[in-house]
Amino acid sequence: MCEVNDAARKKLADLTVKLPVVSHRHATKPVTAKVPVTAKAPFNASKARQHQEVWANYLEMEIESTDSVGGKMILIPPVSS
């Protein structure tokens, strides 16, 4: 068993990262809703669209958008297999 002394504990505490509340740059308020479930592959196009809509709503953004140089951006929600 490995013992951790007080000095090591303090160093570990100092390394702890405190993340800010996530918000989208176009959002009017911070994202505070419960995180949607991750899609489980395989699934059909209809289910993929449902996941896009849920995640877009959660992130307070559009499913499809255009960036400042005209590139088309499409929201791809997280998926597990």
N, C-alpha and C. Protein backbone atom coordinates (compact mmCIF):
# COMPACT_ATOMS: atom_id res chain seq x y z
N MET A 1 0.84 -1.17 0.00
CA MET A 1 0.00 0.00 0.00
C MET A 1 0.89 1.24 0.00
N CYS A 2 0.50 2.26 -0.70
CA CYS A 2 1.27 3.50 -0.81
C CYS A 2 0.65 4.55 0.11
N GLU A 3 1.49 5.14 0.93
CA GLU A 3 1.00 6.20 1.81
C GLU A 3 1.19 7.55 1.13
N VAL A 4 0.23 8.42 1.33
CA VAL A 4 0.32 9.77 0.79
C VAL A 4 0.44 10.72 1.97
N ASN A 5 1.56 11.47 2.00
CA ASN A 5 1.74 12.40 3.12
C ASN A 5 1.00 13.71 2.86
N ASP A 6 0.96 14.57 3.87
CA ASP A 6 0.21 15.83 3.76
C ASP A 6 0.72 16.73 2.65
N ALA A 7 2.05 16.76 2.45
CA ALA A 7 2.61 17.61 1.40
C ALA A 7 2.15 17.14 0.02
N ALA A 8 2.13 15.83 -0.18
CA ALA A 8 1.68 15.28 -1.47
C ALA A 8 0.19 15.55 -1.66
N ARG A 9 -0.59 15.44 -0.59
CA ARG A 9 -2.03 15.73 -0.67
C ARG A 9 -2.26 17.18 -1.09
N LYS A 10 -1.47 18.11 -0.54
CA LYS A 10 -1.62 19.52 -0.88
C LYS A 10 -1.28 19.76 -2.35
N LYS A 11 -0.19 19.13 -2.82
CA LYS A 11 0.18 19.28 -4.23
C LYS A 11 -0.93 18.76 -5.14
N LEU A 12 -1.51 17.63 -4.76
CA LEU A 12 -2.61 17.06 -5.54
C LEU A 12 -3.81 18.00 -5.55
N ALA A 13 -4.13 18.58 -4.41
CA ALA A 13 -5.25 19.53 -4.33
C ALA A 13 -4.99 20.76 -5.19
N ASP A 14 -3.73 21.21 -5.24
CA ASP A 14 -3.37 22.37 -6.05
C ASP A 14 -3.50 22.08 -7.54
N LEU A 15 -3.41 20.80 -7.93
CA LEU A 15 -3.51 20.42 -9.33
C LEU A 15 -4.95 20.24 -9.79
N THR A 16 -5.88 20.23 -8.87
CA THR A 16 -7.28 20.05 -9.21
C THR A 16 -7.76 21.19 -10.09
N VAL A 17 -8.40 20.85 -11.18
CA VAL A 17 -8.89 21.84 -12.12
C VAL A 17 -10.37 22.11 -11.85
N LYS A 18 -10.71 23.37 -11.72
CA LYS A 18 -12.10 23.76 -11.53
C LYS A 18 -12.61 24.26 -12.88
N LEU A 19 -13.52 23.51 -13.48
CA LEU A 19 -14.04 23.86 -14.80
C LEU A 19 -15.18 24.86 -14.70
N PRO A 20 -15.24 25.81 -15.63
CA PRO A 20 -16.34 26.77 -15.62
C PRO A 20 -17.63 26.12 -16.11
N VAL A 21 -18.73 26.79 -15.87
CA VAL A 21 -20.02 26.33 -16.40
C VAL A 21 -19.95 26.44 -17.92
N VAL A 22 -20.32 25.37 -18.60
CA VAL A 22 -20.25 25.34 -20.06
C VAL A 22 -21.39 26.15 -20.65
N SER A 23 -21.06 26.99 -21.60
CA SER A 23 -22.10 27.71 -22.32
C SER A 23 -21.64 27.92 -23.76
N HIS A 24 -22.56 27.97 -24.66
CA HIS A 24 -22.27 28.20 -26.06
C HIS A 24 -22.14 29.70 -26.28
N ARG A 25 -21.31 30.11 -27.21
CA ARG A 25 -21.06 31.55 -27.40
C ARG A 25 -22.30 32.32 -27.81
N HIS A 26 -23.30 31.64 -28.39
CA HIS A 26 -24.53 32.32 -28.77
C HIS A 26 -25.64 32.12 -27.74
N ALA A 27 -25.35 31.37 -26.70
CA ALA A 27 -26.38 31.08 -25.70
C ALA A 27 -26.65 32.32 -24.86
N THR A 28 -27.88 32.44 -24.42
CA THR A 28 -28.25 33.58 -23.59
C THR A 28 -28.09 33.27 -22.10
N LYS A 29 -27.94 32.00 -21.77
CA LYS A 29 -27.75 31.60 -20.38
C LYS A 29 -26.85 30.37 -20.33
N PRO A 30 -26.18 30.12 -19.19
CA PRO A 30 -25.31 28.95 -19.10
C PRO A 30 -26.13 27.65 -19.24
N VAL A 31 -25.47 26.62 -19.75
CA VAL A 31 -26.11 25.32 -19.90
C VAL A 31 -26.15 24.66 -18.52
N THR A 32 -27.34 24.40 -18.03
CA THR A 32 -27.47 23.81 -16.70
C THR A 32 -28.37 22.58 -16.70
N ALA A 33 -28.92 22.22 -17.84
CA ALA A 33 -29.82 21.07 -17.93
C ALA A 33 -29.03 19.77 -17.74
N LYS A 34 -29.76 18.69 -17.45
CA LYS A 34 -29.15 17.39 -17.31
C LYS A 34 -28.55 16.96 -18.65
N VAL A 35 -27.34 16.41 -18.62
CA VAL A 35 -26.65 15.99 -19.84
C VAL A 35 -27.42 14.85 -20.49
N PRO A 36 -27.71 14.95 -21.80
CA PRO A 36 -28.44 13.89 -22.50
C PRO A 36 -27.63 12.59 -22.54
N VAL A 37 -28.33 11.49 -22.75
CA VAL A 37 -27.65 10.20 -22.84
C VAL A 37 -26.85 10.11 -24.12
N THR A 38 -25.81 9.31 -24.09
CA THR A 38 -24.99 9.06 -25.27
C THR A 38 -25.70 8.03 -26.14
N ALA A 39 -25.71 8.27 -27.44
CA ALA A 39 -26.34 7.33 -28.37
C ALA A 39 -25.57 6.02 -28.37
N LYS A 40 -26.28 4.93 -28.49
CA LYS A 40 -25.66 3.60 -28.53
C LYS A 40 -25.79 3.06 -29.95
N ALA A 41 -24.65 2.86 -30.63
CA ALA A 41 -24.66 2.35 -32.00
C ALA A 41 -24.94 0.85 -32.00
N PRO A 42 -25.56 0.33 -33.01
CA PRO A 42 -26.05 0.98 -34.23
C PRO A 42 -27.43 1.58 -34.04
N PHE A 43 -27.75 2.56 -34.88
CA PHE A 43 -29.08 3.18 -34.88
C PHE A 43 -29.36 3.73 -36.27
N ASN A 44 -30.63 4.00 -36.55
CA ASN A 44 -31.03 4.46 -37.89
C ASN A 44 -30.98 5.99 -37.99
N ALA A 45 -31.27 6.52 -39.17
CA ALA A 45 -31.20 7.96 -39.42
C ALA A 45 -32.19 8.73 -38.55
N SER A 46 -33.36 8.15 -38.33
CA SER A 46 -34.37 8.81 -37.50
C SER A 46 -33.87 8.98 -36.06
N LYS A 47 -33.27 7.93 -35.53
CA LYS A 47 -32.74 7.99 -34.16
C LYS A 47 -31.55 8.96 -34.09
N ALA A 48 -30.74 9.00 -35.14
CA ALA A 48 -29.61 9.93 -35.19
C ALA A 48 -30.12 11.38 -35.13
N ARG A 49 -31.17 11.66 -35.87
CA ARG A 49 -31.74 13.01 -35.89
C ARG A 49 -32.30 13.37 -34.51
N GLN A 50 -32.93 12.39 -33.84
CA GLN A 50 -33.44 12.63 -32.48
C GLN A 50 -32.31 13.01 -31.54
N HIS A 51 -31.20 12.29 -31.62
CA HIS A 51 -30.05 12.61 -30.76
C HIS A 51 -29.49 13.99 -31.09
N GLN A 52 -29.44 14.35 -32.36
CA GLN A 52 -28.98 15.68 -32.75
C GLN A 52 -29.88 16.75 -32.13
N GLU A 53 -31.19 16.55 -32.21
CA GLU A 53 -32.13 17.54 -31.68
C GLU A 53 -31.99 17.68 -30.16
N VAL A 54 -31.85 16.56 -29.46
CA VAL A 54 -31.71 16.60 -28.00
C VAL A 54 -30.42 17.33 -27.61
N TRP A 55 -29.32 16.99 -28.28
CA TRP A 55 -28.04 17.64 -27.95
C TRP A 55 -28.02 19.11 -28.36
N ALA A 56 -28.63 19.45 -29.48
CA ALA A 56 -28.70 20.85 -29.90
C ALA A 56 -29.49 21.66 -28.88
N ASN A 57 -30.57 21.11 -28.40
CA ASN A 57 -31.37 21.78 -27.38
C ASN A 57 -30.56 21.96 -26.09
N TYR A 58 -29.86 20.92 -25.69
CA TYR A 58 -29.03 20.97 -24.48
C TYR A 58 -27.93 22.03 -24.61
N LEU A 59 -27.29 22.07 -25.76
CA LEU A 59 -26.19 23.02 -25.99
C LEU A 59 -26.66 24.40 -26.41
N GLU A 60 -27.98 24.54 -26.60
CA GLU A 60 -28.58 25.80 -27.04
C GLU A 60 -27.94 26.29 -28.33
N MET A 61 -27.93 25.40 -29.32
CA MET A 61 -27.38 25.75 -30.62
C MET A 61 -28.18 25.04 -31.71
N GLU A 62 -27.93 25.42 -32.94
CA GLU A 62 -28.61 24.81 -34.08
C GLU A 62 -27.91 23.50 -34.45
N ILE A 63 -28.64 22.60 -35.10
CA ILE A 63 -28.04 21.35 -35.57
C ILE A 63 -27.09 21.66 -36.72
N GLU A 64 -27.48 22.55 -37.61
CA GLU A 64 -26.64 22.96 -38.73
C GLU A 64 -26.39 24.46 -38.66
N SER A 65 -25.16 24.86 -38.89
CA SER A 65 -24.81 26.28 -38.89
C SER A 65 -23.68 26.53 -39.89
N THR A 66 -23.38 27.78 -40.12
CA THR A 66 -22.31 28.16 -41.02
C THR A 66 -21.31 29.00 -40.25
N ASP A 67 -20.02 28.66 -40.38
CA ASP A 67 -19.00 29.43 -39.65
C ASP A 67 -18.67 30.73 -40.38
N SER A 68 -17.74 31.49 -39.84
CA SER A 68 -17.44 32.83 -40.35
C SER A 68 -16.84 32.84 -41.75
N VAL A 69 -16.30 31.72 -42.22
CA VAL A 69 -15.74 31.67 -43.57
C VAL A 69 -16.61 30.87 -44.53
N GLY A 70 -17.85 30.57 -44.11
CA GLY A 70 -18.81 29.91 -44.99
C GLY A 70 -18.84 28.39 -44.91
N GLY A 71 -18.05 27.81 -44.00
CA GLY A 71 -18.05 26.36 -43.85
C GLY A 71 -19.30 25.87 -43.13
N LYS A 72 -19.88 24.80 -43.64
CA LYS A 72 -21.09 24.25 -43.02
C LYS A 72 -20.68 23.36 -41.84
N MET A 73 -21.29 23.61 -40.69
CA MET A 73 -21.01 22.84 -39.47
C MET A 73 -22.25 22.04 -39.12
N ILE A 74 -22.08 20.75 -38.79
CA ILE A 74 -23.20 19.90 -38.39
C ILE A 74 -22.87 19.28 -37.05
N LEU A 75 -23.81 19.38 -36.13
CA LEU A 75 -23.64 18.83 -34.79
C LEU A 75 -23.61 17.31 -34.85
N ILE A 76 -22.54 16.72 -34.32
CA ILE A 76 -22.44 15.26 -34.21
C ILE A 76 -22.41 14.92 -32.72
N PRO A 77 -23.50 14.38 -32.19
CA PRO A 77 -23.54 14.05 -30.77
C PRO A 77 -22.64 12.85 -30.44
N PRO A 78 -22.27 12.68 -29.17
CA PRO A 78 -21.41 11.54 -28.79
C PRO A 78 -22.13 10.22 -29.00
N VAL A 79 -21.35 9.20 -29.38
CA VAL A 79 -21.89 7.86 -29.63
C VAL A 79 -20.97 6.83 -28.99
N SER A 80 -21.56 5.79 -28.43
CA SER A 80 -20.77 4.66 -27.94
C SER A 80 -21.19 3.42 -28.69
N SER A 81 -20.31 2.43 -28.69
CA SER A 81 -20.64 1.20 -29.42
C SER A 81 -20.98 0.07 -28.48
